[in-house]
């Protein structure tokens, strides 16, 4: 995702989120919210395809932040 932020599907982002213990919320609209209890900002990603690279980059930065908090706890 970091090397190529194009052509990702929401299901793939959800799978990555699950692997890192990130919660996924689908509030009923056209967006998916990814959140983690130790991270203040939760990225919102439009669920339609294709997902724009800017949203994938934000998601990757969020996962990096989650990984950083997990390393500090360990």
PDB file of N, CA and C in Angstrom:
ATOM      1  N   UNK A   1       0.832  -1.196   0.000  1.00  0.00           N
ATOM      2  CA  UNK A   1       0.000   0.000   0.000  1.00  0.00           C
ATOM      3  C   UNK A   1       0.869   1.249   0.000  1.00  0.00           C
ATOM      4  N   UNK A   2       1.950   1.172   0.750  1.00  0.00           N
ATOM      5  CA  UNK A   2       2.834   2.328   0.839  1.00  0.00           C
ATOM      6  C   UNK A   2       3.488   2.607  -0.510  1.00  0.00           C
ATOM      7  N   UNK A   3       3.924   1.557  -1.198  1.00  0.00           N
ATOM      8  CA  UNK A   3       4.619   1.724  -2.472  1.00  0.00           C
ATOM      9  C   UNK A   3       3.671   2.061  -3.605  1.00  0.00           C
ATOM     10  N   UNK A   4       2.438   1.546  -3.541  1.00  0.00           N
ATOM     11  CA  UNK A   4       1.478   1.793  -4.610  1.00  0.00           C
ATOM     12  C   UNK A   4       0.100   2.047  -3.997  1.00  0.00           C
ATOM     13  N   UNK A   5      -0.249   3.307  -3.729  1.00  0.00           N
ATOM     14  CA  UNK A   5      -1.524   3.606  -3.076  1.00  0.00           C
ATOM     15  C   UNK A   5      -2.731   3.598  -4.008  1.00  0.00           C
ATOM     16  N   UNK A   6      -2.601   3.013  -5.182  1.00  0.00           N
ATOM     17  CA  UNK A   6      -3.708   2.980  -6.136  1.00  0.00           C
ATOM     18  C   UNK A   6      -4.341   1.592  -6.201  1.00  0.00           C
ATOM     19  N   UNK A   7      -5.604   1.572  -6.609  1.00  0.00           N
ATOM     20  CA  UNK A   7      -6.329   0.328  -6.899  1.00  0.00           C
ATOM     21  C   UNK A   7      -6.518  -0.588  -5.699  1.00  0.00           C
ATOM     22  N   UNK A   8      -6.817  -0.021  -4.546  1.00  0.00           N
ATOM     23  CA  UNK A   8      -7.126  -0.817  -3.367  1.00  0.00           C
ATOM     24  C   UNK A   8      -8.628  -0.825  -3.145  1.00  0.00           C
ATOM     25  N   UNK A   9      -9.128  -1.894  -2.589  1.00  0.00           N
ATOM     26  CA  UNK A   9     -10.550  -2.016  -2.273  1.00  0.00           C
ATOM     27  C   UNK A   9     -10.745  -1.884  -0.775  1.00  0.00           C
ATOM     28  N   UNK A  10     -11.936  -1.492  -0.389  1.00  0.00           N
ATOM     29  CA  UNK A  10     -12.241  -1.284   1.019  1.00  0.00           C
ATOM     30  C   UNK A  10     -12.081  -2.584   1.799  1.00  0.00           C
ATOM     31  N   UNK A  11     -12.402  -3.721   1.192  1.00  0.00           N
ATOM     32  CA  UNK A  11     -12.246  -5.018   1.870  1.00  0.00           C
ATOM     33  C   UNK A  11     -10.782  -5.288   2.213  1.00  0.00           C
ATOM     34  N   UNK A  12      -9.876  -4.840   1.368  1.00  0.00           N
ATOM     35  CA  UNK A  12      -8.447  -5.025   1.635  1.00  0.00           C
ATOM     36  C   UNK A  12      -7.993  -4.144   2.791  1.00  0.00           C
ATOM     37  N   UNK A  13      -8.490  -2.918   2.857  1.00  0.00           N
ATOM     38  CA  UNK A  13      -8.173  -2.055   3.984  1.00  0.00           C
ATOM     39  C   UNK A  13      -8.737  -2.634   5.280  1.00  0.00           C
ATOM     40  N   UNK A  14      -9.933  -3.183   5.210  1.00  0.00           N
ATOM     41  CA  UNK A  14     -10.541  -3.797   6.390  1.00  0.00           C
ATOM     42  C   UNK A  14      -9.712  -4.992   6.872  1.00  0.00           C
ATOM     43  N   UNK A  15      -9.170  -5.784   5.954  1.00  0.00           N
ATOM     44  CA  UNK A  15      -8.344  -6.934   6.324  1.00  0.00           C
ATOM     45  C   UNK A  15      -7.063  -6.485   7.024  1.00  0.00           C
ATOM     46  N   UNK A  16      -6.435  -5.439   6.509  1.00  0.00           N
ATOM     47  CA  UNK A  16      -5.225  -4.901   7.146  1.00  0.00           C
ATOM     48  C   UNK A  16      -5.573  -4.360   8.533  1.00  0.00           C
ATOM     49  N   UNK A  17      -6.676  -3.648   8.616  1.00  0.00           N
ATOM     50  CA  UNK A  17      -7.099  -3.092   9.907  1.00  0.00           C
ATOM     51  C   UNK A  17      -7.298  -4.204  10.927  1.00  0.00           C
ATOM     52  N   UNK A  18      -7.962  -5.257  10.538  1.00  0.00           N
ATOM     53  CA  UNK A  18      -8.216  -6.378  11.443  1.00  0.00           C
ATOM     54  C   UNK A  18      -6.905  -7.002  11.915  1.00  0.00           C
ATOM     55  N   UNK A  19      -5.936  -7.127  11.020  1.00  0.00           N
ATOM     56  CA  UNK A  19      -4.645  -7.719  11.358  1.00  0.00           C
ATOM     57  C   UNK A  19      -3.902  -6.917  12.427  1.00  0.00           C
ATOM     58  N   UNK A  20      -4.159  -5.606  12.491  1.00  0.00           N
ATOM     59  CA  UNK A  20      -3.484  -4.751  13.455  1.00  0.00           C
ATOM     60  C   UNK A  20      -4.370  -4.359  14.632  1.00  0.00           C
ATOM     61  N   UNK A  21      -5.506  -5.011  14.777  1.00  0.00           N
ATOM     62  CA  UNK A  21      -6.382  -4.752  15.913  1.00  0.00           C
ATOM     63  C   UNK A  21      -7.139  -3.442  15.830  1.00  0.00           C
ATOM     64  N   UNK A  22      -7.332  -2.956  14.621  1.00  0.00           N
ATOM     65  CA  UNK A  22      -8.064  -1.706  14.403  1.00  0.00           C
ATOM     66  C   UNK A  22      -9.545  -2.036  14.224  1.00  0.00           C
ATOM     67  N   UNK A  23     -10.395  -1.248  14.832  1.00  0.00           N
ATOM     68  CA  UNK A  23     -11.841  -1.430  14.719  1.00  0.00           C
ATOM     69  C   UNK A  23     -12.360  -0.768  13.447  1.00  0.00           C
ATOM     70  N   UNK A  24     -13.369  -1.381  12.858  1.00  0.00           N
ATOM     71  CA  UNK A  24     -13.975  -0.866  11.631  1.00  0.00           C
ATOM     72  C   UNK A  24     -15.433  -0.558  11.918  1.00  0.00           C
ATOM     73  N   UNK A  25     -15.826   0.661  11.583  1.00  0.00           N
ATOM     74  CA  UNK A  25     -17.215   1.072  11.798  1.00  0.00           C
ATOM     75  C   UNK A  25     -17.792   1.534  10.471  1.00  0.00           C
ATOM     76  N   UNK A  26     -18.949   0.991  10.147  1.00  0.00           N
ATOM     77  CA  UNK A  26     -19.675   1.385   8.932  1.00  0.00           C
ATOM     78  C   UNK A  26     -20.973   2.041   9.394  1.00  0.00           C
ATOM     79  N   UNK A  27     -20.966   3.360   9.527  1.00  0.00           N
ATOM     80  CA  UNK A  27     -22.121   4.039  10.118  1.00  0.00           C
ATOM     81  C   UNK A  27     -23.376   4.059   9.239  1.00  0.00           C
ATOM     82  N   UNK A  28     -23.382   3.355   8.149  1.00  0.00           N
ATOM     83  CA  UNK A  28     -24.578   3.286   7.323  1.00  0.00           C
ATOM     84  C   UNK A  28     -24.532   4.172   6.097  1.00  0.00           C
ATOM     85  N   UNK A  29     -23.552   5.016   6.014  1.00  0.00           N
ATOM     86  CA  UNK A  29     -23.418   5.888   4.857  1.00  0.00           C
ATOM     87  C   UNK A  29     -22.480   5.288   3.829  1.00  0.00           C
ATOM     88  N   UNK A  30     -21.820   6.144   3.105  1.00  0.00           N
ATOM     89  CA  UNK A  30     -20.938   5.686   2.041  1.00  0.00           C
ATOM     90  C   UNK A  30     -19.475   5.664   2.473  1.00  0.00           C
ATOM     91  N   UNK A  31     -19.219   5.777   3.791  1.00  0.00           N
ATOM     92  CA  UNK A  31     -17.854   5.808   4.298  1.00  0.00           C
ATOM     93  C   UNK A  31     -17.638   4.712   5.336  1.00  0.00           C
ATOM     94  N   UNK A  32     -16.372   4.366   5.514  1.00  0.00           N
ATOM     95  CA  UNK A  32     -15.971   3.416   6.543  1.00  0.00           C
ATOM     96  C   UNK A  32     -15.003   4.154   7.462  1.00  0.00           C
ATOM     97  N   UNK A  33     -15.193   4.000   8.774  1.00  0.00           N
ATOM     98  CA  UNK A  33     -14.348   4.664   9.759  1.00  0.00           C
ATOM     99  C   UNK A  33     -13.468   3.607  10.420  1.00  0.00           C
ATOM    100  N   UNK A  34     -12.174   3.859  10.445  1.00  0.00           N
ATOM    101  CA  UNK A  34     -11.216   2.988  11.119  1.00  0.00           C
ATOM    102  C   UNK A  34     -10.800   3.687  12.407  1.00  0.00           C
ATOM    103  N   UNK A  35     -10.844   2.956  13.540  1.00  0.00           N
ATOM    104  CA  UNK A  35     -10.474   3.598  14.796  1.00  0.00           C
ATOM    105  C   UNK A  35      -9.774   2.622  15.722  1.00  0.00           C
ATOM    106  N   UNK A  36      -8.986   3.214  16.584  1.00  0.00           N
ATOM    107  CA  UNK A  36      -8.227   2.460  17.581  1.00  0.00           C
ATOM    108  C   UNK A  36      -8.291   3.255  18.873  1.00  0.00           C
ATOM    109  N   UNK A  37      -8.474   2.600  20.019  1.00  0.00           N
ATOM    110  CA  UNK A  37      -8.675   3.337  21.270  1.00  0.00           C
ATOM    111  C   UNK A  37      -7.516   4.251  21.670  1.00  0.00           C
ATOM    112  N   UNK A  38      -6.304   3.981  21.205  1.00  0.00           N
ATOM    113  CA  UNK A  38      -5.157   4.809  21.608  1.00  0.00           C
ATOM    114  C   UNK A  38      -4.764   5.870  20.591  1.00  0.00           C
ATOM    115  N   UNK A  39      -5.521   5.975  19.500  1.00  0.00           N
ATOM    116  CA  UNK A  39      -5.214   6.967  18.462  1.00  0.00           C
ATOM    117  C   UNK A  39      -6.380   7.948  18.383  1.00  0.00           C
ATOM    118  N   UNK A  40      -6.069   9.224  18.507  1.00  0.00           N
ATOM    119  CA  UNK A  40      -7.121  10.250  18.562  1.00  0.00           C
ATOM    120  C   UNK A  40      -7.851  10.417  17.223  1.00  0.00           C
ATOM    121  N   UNK A  41      -7.108  10.411  16.140  1.00  0.00           N
ATOM    122  CA  UNK A  41      -7.724  10.660  14.839  1.00  0.00           C
ATOM    123  C   UNK A  41      -8.067   9.345  14.146  1.00  0.00           C
ATOM    124  N   UNK A  42      -9.295   9.228  13.718  1.00  0.00           N
ATOM    125  CA  UNK A  42      -9.760   8.035  13.021  1.00  0.00           C
ATOM    126  C   UNK A  42      -9.993   8.374  11.548  1.00  0.00           C
ATOM    127  N   UNK A  43      -9.248   7.737  10.639  1.00  0.00           N
ATOM    128  CA  UNK A  43      -9.458   8.054   9.223  1.00  0.00           C
ATOM    129  C   UNK A  43     -10.795   7.531   8.718  1.00  0.00           C
ATOM    130  N   UNK A  44     -11.419   8.320   7.887  1.00  0.00           N
ATOM    131  CA  UNK A  44     -12.669   7.953   7.230  1.00  0.00           C
ATOM    132  C   UNK A  44     -12.364   7.766   5.756  1.00  0.00           C
ATOM    133  N   UNK A  45     -12.791   6.627   5.209  1.00  0.00           N
ATOM    134  CA  UNK A  45     -12.481   6.300   3.820  1.00  0.00           C
ATOM    135  C   UNK A  45     -13.787   6.070   3.062  1.00  0.00           C
ATOM    136  N   UNK A  46     -13.967   6.730   1.917  1.00  0.00           N
ATOM    137  CA  UNK A  46     -15.152   6.454   1.102  1.00  0.00           C
ATOM    138  C   UNK A  46     -15.152   4.991   0.659  1.00  0.00           C
ATOM    139  N   UNK A  47     -16.285   4.344   0.748  1.00  0.00           N
ATOM    140  CA  UNK A  47     -16.370   2.917   0.439  1.00  0.00           C
ATOM    141  C   UNK A  47     -16.479   2.632  -1.045  1.00  0.00           C
ATOM    142  N   UNK A  48     -16.639   3.649  -1.858  1.00  0.00           N
ATOM    143  CA  UNK A  48     -16.777   3.380  -3.294  1.00  0.00           C
ATOM    144  C   UNK A  48     -15.410   3.169  -3.922  1.00  0.00           C
ATOM    145  N   UNK A  49     -15.436   2.508  -5.049  1.00  0.00           N
ATOM    146  CA  UNK A  49     -14.205   2.169  -5.726  1.00  0.00           C
ATOM    147  C   UNK A  49     -14.015   3.062  -6.933  1.00  0.00           C
ATOM    148  N   UNK A  50     -12.856   3.483  -7.324  1.00  0.00           N
ATOM    149  CA  UNK A  50     -11.599   3.199  -6.639  1.00  0.00           C
ATOM    150  C   UNK A  50     -11.382   4.158  -5.467  1.00  0.00           C
ATOM    151  N   UNK A  51     -10.646   3.694  -4.490  1.00  0.00           N
ATOM    152  CA  UNK A  51     -10.299   4.551  -3.355  1.00  0.00           C
ATOM    153  C   UNK A  51      -9.150   5.438  -3.810  1.00  0.00           C
ATOM    154  N   UNK A  52      -9.293   6.723  -3.621  1.00  0.00           N
ATOM    155  CA  UNK A  52      -8.259   7.660  -4.049  1.00  0.00           C
ATOM    156  C   UNK A  52      -6.991   7.452  -3.216  1.00  0.00           C
ATOM    157  N   UNK A  53      -5.823   7.635  -3.846  1.00  0.00           N
ATOM    158  CA  UNK A  53      -4.547   7.422  -3.149  1.00  0.00           C
ATOM    159  C   UNK A  53      -4.401   8.223  -1.859  1.00  0.00           C
ATOM    160  N   UNK A  54      -4.973   9.414  -1.791  1.00  0.00           N
ATOM    161  CA  UNK A  54      -4.841  10.219  -0.577  1.00  0.00           C
ATOM    162  C   UNK A  54      -5.439   9.495   0.629  1.00  0.00           C
ATOM    163  N   UNK A  55      -6.538   8.781   0.433  1.00  0.00           N
ATOM    164  CA  UNK A  55      -7.158   8.045   1.534  1.00  0.00           C
ATOM    165  C   UNK A  55      -6.318   6.832   1.927  1.00  0.00           C
ATOM    166  N   UNK A  56      -5.709   6.181   0.955  1.00  0.00           N
ATOM    167  CA  UNK A  56      -4.851   5.037   1.250  1.00  0.00           C
ATOM    168  C   UNK A  56      -3.626   5.506   2.033  1.00  0.00           C
ATOM    169  N   UNK A  57      -3.046   6.644   1.647  1.00  0.00           N
ATOM    170  CA  UNK A  57      -1.891   7.181   2.377  1.00  0.00           C
ATOM    171  C   UNK A  57      -2.255   7.524   3.822  1.00  0.00           C
ATOM    172  N   UNK A  58      -3.418   8.110   4.031  1.00  0.00           N
ATOM    173  CA  UNK A  58      -3.868   8.426   5.388  1.00  0.00           C
ATOM    174  C   UNK A  58      -4.069   7.152   6.198  1.00  0.00           C
ATOM    175  N   UNK A  59      -4.629   6.134   5.564  1.00  0.00           N
ATOM    176  CA  UNK A  59      -4.839   4.860   6.233  1.00  0.00           C
ATOM    177  C   UNK A  59      -3.500   4.240   6.636  1.00  0.00           C
ATOM    178  N   UNK A  60      -2.518   4.254   5.742  1.00  0.00           N
ATOM    179  CA  UNK A  60      -1.192   3.712   6.040  1.00  0.00           C
ATOM    180  C   UNK A  60      -0.554   4.475   7.204  1.00  0.00           C
ATOM    181  N   UNK A  61      -0.674   5.797   7.217  1.00  0.00           N
ATOM    182  CA  UNK A  61      -0.134   6.594   8.316  1.00  0.00           C
ATOM    183  C   UNK A  61      -0.821   6.232   9.631  1.00  0.00           C
ATOM    184  N   UNK A  62      -2.121   5.986   9.581  1.00  0.00           N
ATOM    185  CA  UNK A  62      -2.869   5.581  10.763  1.00  0.00           C
ATOM    186  C   UNK A  62      -2.378   4.222  11.269  1.00  0.00           C
ATOM    187  N   UNK A  63      -2.190   3.272  10.378  1.00  0.00           N
ATOM    188  CA  UNK A  63      -1.674   1.948  10.762  1.00  0.00           C
ATOM    189  C   UNK A  63      -0.277   2.083  11.359  1.00  0.00           C
ATOM    190  N   UNK A  64       0.550   2.945  10.783  1.00  0.00           N
ATOM    191  CA  UNK A  64       1.889   3.188  11.347  1.00  0.00           C
ATOM    192  C   UNK A  64       1.773   3.718  12.788  1.00  0.00           C
ATOM    193  N   UNK A  65       0.817   4.613  13.026  1.00  0.00           N
ATOM    194  CA  UNK A  65       0.611   5.146  14.373  1.00  0.00           C
ATOM    195  C   UNK A  65       0.158   4.050  15.328  1.00  0.00           C
ATOM    196  N   UNK A  66      -0.713   3.183  14.870  1.00  0.00           N
ATOM    197  CA  UNK A  66      -1.180   2.068  15.703  1.00  0.00           C
ATOM    198  C   UNK A  66      -0.004   1.156  16.021  1.00  0.00           C
ATOM    199  N   UNK A  67       0.802   0.843  15.055  1.00  0.00           N
ATOM    200  CA  UNK A  67       1.968  -0.003  15.277  1.00  0.00           C
ATOM    201  C   UNK A  67       2.928   0.640  16.251  1.00  0.00           C
ATOM    202  N   UNK A  68       3.078   1.935  16.174  1.00  0.00           N
ATOM    203  CA  UNK A  68       3.962   2.653  17.097  1.00  0.00           C
ATOM    204  C   UNK A  68       3.483   2.571  18.532  1.00  0.00           C
ATOM    205  N   UNK A  69       2.174   2.665  18.749  1.00  0.00           N
ATOM    206  CA  UNK A  69       1.648   2.564  20.116  1.00  0.00           C
ATOM    207  C   UNK A  69       1.770   1.144  20.624  1.00  0.00           C
ATOM    208  N   UNK A  70       1.599   0.164  19.763  1.00  0.00           N
ATOM    209  CA  UNK A  70       1.729  -1.237  20.180  1.00  0.00           C
ATOM    210  C   UNK A  70       3.173  -1.557  20.574  1.00  0.00           C
ATOM    211  N   UNK A  71       4.145  -1.000  19.856  1.00  0.00           N
ATOM    212  CA  UNK A  71       5.550  -1.232  20.184  1.00  0.00           C
ATOM    213  C   UNK A  71       5.905  -0.610  21.517  1.00  0.00           C
ATOM    214  N   UNK A  72       5.326   0.549  21.836  1.00  0.00           N
ATOM    215  CA  UNK A  72       5.607   1.206  23.108  1.00  0.00           C
ATOM    216  C   UNK A  72       5.008   0.432  24.269  1.00  0.00           C
ATOM    217  N   UNK A  73       3.901  -0.256  24.040  1.00  0.00           N
ATOM    218  CA  UNK A  73       3.245  -1.012  25.102  1.00  0.00           C
ATOM    219  C   UNK A  73       3.972  -2.321  25.392  1.00  0.00           C
ATOM    220  N   UNK A  74       4.631  -2.883  24.359  1.00  0.00           N
ATOM    221  CA  UNK A  74       5.237  -4.201  24.465  1.00  0.00           C
ATOM    222  C   UNK A  74       6.426  -4.211  25.305  1.00  0.00           C
TER     223      UNK A  74
END
